[in-house]
C-alpha atoms as a PDB file:
ATOM      1  CA  UNK A   1      -0.071   0.105   0.141  1.00  0.00           C
ATOM      2  CA  UNK A   2       1.613   3.249  -1.099  1.00  0.00           C
ATOM      3  CA  UNK A   3       2.405   5.828   1.465  1.00  0.00           C
ATOM      4  CA  UNK A   4       0.573   9.302   1.824  1.00  0.00           C
ATOM      5  CA  UNK A   5       2.548  12.050   0.110  1.00  0.00           C
ATOM      6  CA  UNK A   6       4.194  14.574   1.864  1.00  0.00           C
ATOM      7  CA  UNK A   7       2.554  17.939   0.538  1.00  0.00           C
ATOM      8  CA  UNK A   8       4.780  20.924   0.569  1.00  0.00           C
ATOM      9  CA  UNK A   9       1.945  23.488   1.384  1.00  0.00           C
ATOM     10  CA  UNK A  10       2.120  26.907  -0.345  1.00  0.00           C
ATOM     11  CA  UNK A  11       3.260  29.527   2.117  1.00  0.00           C
ATOM     12  CA  UNK A  12       1.925  32.959   2.612  1.00  0.00           C
ATOM     13  CA  UNK A  13       5.424  34.012   3.528  1.00  0.00           C
ATOM     14  CA  UNK A  14       9.179  33.106   3.951  1.00  0.00           C
ATOM     15  CA  UNK A  15       8.967  32.527   7.416  1.00  0.00           C
ATOM     16  CA  UNK A  16       6.137  29.910   7.297  1.00  0.00           C
ATOM     17  CA  UNK A  17       7.849  27.984   4.551  1.00  0.00           C
ATOM     18  CA  UNK A  18      11.105  27.748   6.617  1.00  0.00           C
ATOM     19  CA  UNK A  19       9.193  26.684   9.712  1.00  0.00           C
ATOM     20  CA  UNK A  20       7.588  23.856   7.480  1.00  0.00           C
ATOM     21  CA  UNK A  21      10.793  22.688   6.205  1.00  0.00           C
ATOM     22  CA  UNK A  22      12.488  22.708   9.616  1.00  0.00           C
ATOM     23  CA  UNK A  23       9.893  20.518  11.005  1.00  0.00           C
ATOM     24  CA  UNK A  24      10.085  18.024   7.958  1.00  0.00           C
ATOM     25  CA  UNK A  25      13.921  18.289   7.506  1.00  0.00           C
ATOM     26  CA  UNK A  26      15.178  15.483   9.657  1.00  0.00           C
ATOM     27  CA  UNK A  27      12.735  12.800   7.881  1.00  0.00           C
ATOM     28  CA  UNK A  28      13.832  13.974   4.400  1.00  0.00           C
ATOM     29  CA  UNK A  29      17.503  14.054   5.073  1.00  0.00           C
ATOM     30  CA  UNK A  30      17.393  10.583   6.838  1.00  0.00           C
ATOM     31  CA  UNK A  31      15.863   8.944   3.709  1.00  0.00           C
ATOM     32  CA  UNK A  32      18.267  10.850   1.568  1.00  0.00           C
ATOM     33  CA  UNK A  33      21.311   9.520   3.755  1.00  0.00           C
ATOM     34  CA  UNK A  34      20.025   6.077   3.635  1.00  0.00           C
ATOM     35  CA  UNK A  35      19.887   6.169  -0.136  1.00  0.00           C
ATOM     36  CA  UNK A  36      23.343   7.401  -0.340  1.00  0.00           C
ATOM     37  CA  UNK A  37      24.973   4.968   1.752  1.00  0.00           C
ATOM     38  CA  UNK A  38      23.173   2.189  -0.151  1.00  0.00           C
ATOM     39  CA  UNK A  39      24.765   3.579  -3.362  1.00  0.00           C
ATOM     40  CA  UNK A  40      21.243   4.538  -4.450  1.00  0.00           C
ATOM     41  CA  UNK A  41      20.014   7.941  -6.050  1.00  0.00           C
ATOM     42  CA  UNK A  42      16.837   9.390  -4.755  1.00  0.00           C
ATOM     43  CA  UNK A  43      14.878  12.296  -6.140  1.00  0.00           C
ATOM     44  CA  UNK A  44      13.814  15.034  -3.491  1.00  0.00           C
ATOM     45  CA  UNK A  45      10.250  14.225  -4.528  1.00  0.00           C
ATOM     46  CA  UNK A  46      10.745  10.423  -3.654  1.00  0.00           C
ATOM     47  CA  UNK A  47      12.397  11.602  -0.314  1.00  0.00           C
ATOM     48  CA  UNK A  48       9.603  13.861   0.410  1.00  0.00           C
ATOM     49  CA  UNK A  49       7.001  11.193  -0.650  1.00  0.00           C
ATOM     50  CA  UNK A  50       8.571   8.694   1.915  1.00  0.00           C
ATOM     51  CA  UNK A  51       8.991  11.097   4.767  1.00  0.00           C
ATOM     52  CA  UNK A  52       5.168  11.758   4.561  1.00  0.00           C
ATOM     53  CA  UNK A  53       4.277   8.389   5.256  1.00  0.00           C
ATOM     54  CA  UNK A  54       2.808   7.643   8.785  1.00  0.00           C
ATOM     55  CA  UNK A  55       4.637   5.113  10.841  1.00  0.00           C
ATOM     56  CA  UNK A  56       3.213   3.504  13.941  1.00  0.00           C
ATOM     57  CA  UNK A  57       5.458   4.759  16.901  1.00  0.00           C
ATOM     58  CA  UNK A  58       5.890   2.828  20.174  1.00  0.00           C
ATOM     59  CA  UNK A  59       6.990   4.689  23.478  1.00  0.00           C
ATOM     60  CA  UNK A  60      10.205   3.225  24.679  1.00  0.00           C
ATOM     61  CA  UNK A  61      11.740   4.014  28.101  1.00  0.00           C
ATOM     62  CA  UNK A  62      15.562   3.293  28.098  1.00  0.00           C
ATOM     63  CA  UNK A  63      18.088   4.063  30.815  1.00  0.00           C
ATOM     64  CA  UNK A  64      21.319   5.387  29.340  1.00  0.00           C
ATOM     65  CA  UNK A  65      24.721   6.493  30.947  1.00  0.00           C
ATOM     66  CA  UNK A  66      24.594  10.282  31.784  1.00  0.00           C
ATOM     67  CA  UNK A  67      27.689  10.807  29.546  1.00  0.00           C
ATOM     68  CA  UNK A  68      26.064   9.345  26.640  1.00  0.00           C
ATOM     69  CA  UNK A  69      23.030  11.590  27.217  1.00  0.00           C
ATOM     70  CA  UNK A  70      25.262  14.612  27.477  1.00  0.00           C
ATOM     71  CA  UNK A  71      27.162  13.567  24.421  1.00  0.00           C
ATOM     72  CA  UNK A  72      23.949  13.094  22.297  1.00  0.00           C
ATOM     73  CA  UNK A  73      22.695  16.638  23.550  1.00  0.00           C
ATOM     74  CA  UNK A  74      25.986  18.298  22.435  1.00  0.00           C
ATOM     75  CA  UNK A  75      26.006  16.495  19.089  1.00  0.00           C
ATOM     76  CA  UNK A  76      22.263  17.004  18.378  1.00  0.00           C
ATOM     77  CA  UNK A  77      22.488  20.697  19.226  1.00  0.00           C
ATOM     78  CA  UNK A  78      25.462  21.136  16.702  1.00  0.00           C
ATOM     79  CA  UNK A  79      23.101  19.600  14.078  1.00  0.00           C
ATOM     80  CA  UNK A  80      19.965  21.912  15.143  1.00  0.00           C
ATOM     81  CA  UNK A  81      18.036  18.794  16.353  1.00  0.00           C
ATOM     82  CA  UNK A  82      16.564  17.684  19.766  1.00  0.00           C
ATOM     83  CA  UNK A  83      18.607  14.914  21.469  1.00  0.00           C
ATOM     84  CA  UNK A  84      15.902  12.194  21.471  1.00  0.00           C
ATOM     85  CA  UNK A  85      15.195  12.823  17.810  1.00  0.00           C
ATOM     86  CA  UNK A  86      19.052  12.448  17.169  1.00  0.00           C
ATOM     87  CA  UNK A  87      19.274   9.285  19.304  1.00  0.00           C
ATOM     88  CA  UNK A  88      16.374   7.916  17.250  1.00  0.00           C
ATOM     89  CA  UNK A  89      17.827   8.800  14.039  1.00  0.00           C
ATOM     90  CA  UNK A  90      21.222   7.162  15.227  1.00  0.00           C
ATOM     91  CA  UNK A  91      19.371   3.819  16.313  1.00  0.00           C
ATOM     92  CA  UNK A  92      17.265   3.808  13.192  1.00  0.00           C
ATOM     93  CA  UNK A  93      20.652   4.234  10.971  1.00  0.00           C
ATOM     94  CA  UNK A  94      22.411   1.403  13.174  1.00  0.00           C
ATOM     95  CA  UNK A  95      19.466  -0.872  12.801  1.00  0.00           C
ATOM     96  CA  UNK A  96      19.458  -0.426   8.936  1.00  0.00           C
ATOM     97  CA  UNK A  97      23.113  -1.127   8.678  1.00  0.00           C
ATOM     98  CA  UNK A  98      22.981  -4.237  10.947  1.00  0.00           C
ATOM     99  CA  UNK A  99      19.883  -5.606   8.956  1.00  0.00           C
ATOM    100  CA  UNK A 100      21.945  -5.043   5.672  1.00  0.00           C
ATOM    101  CA  UNK A 101      24.853  -7.004   6.998  1.00  0.00           C
ATOM    102  CA  UNK A 102      22.634  -9.831   8.117  1.00  0.00           C
ATOM    103  CA  UNK A 103      20.888 -10.020   4.806  1.00  0.00           C
ATOM    104  CA  UNK A 104      24.396 -10.471   3.025  1.00  0.00           C
ATOM    105  CA  UNK A 105      25.155 -13.599   5.267  1.00  0.00           C
END
């Protein structure tokens, strides 16, 4: 079943458009990076389409060392992301990488 397309709204001003892109940037960038790592190319419209798909999210509680959380906060801040979003992105990338390794065996 194809996912719902992410529709770029027509904005009344540049500030609204910038806010929309900031809100959706992480999802678009993650898909583009994953395609690049796999040696594939992906058009921006394909990345936007994939980013618009709704995923079922499950709340999870993890106990992490304070040093790791501090490092995640600092690295996320450098990238302009929230630390939880950054941790989720890292976990997602690591799982994709591991799944790729397992499928090559």
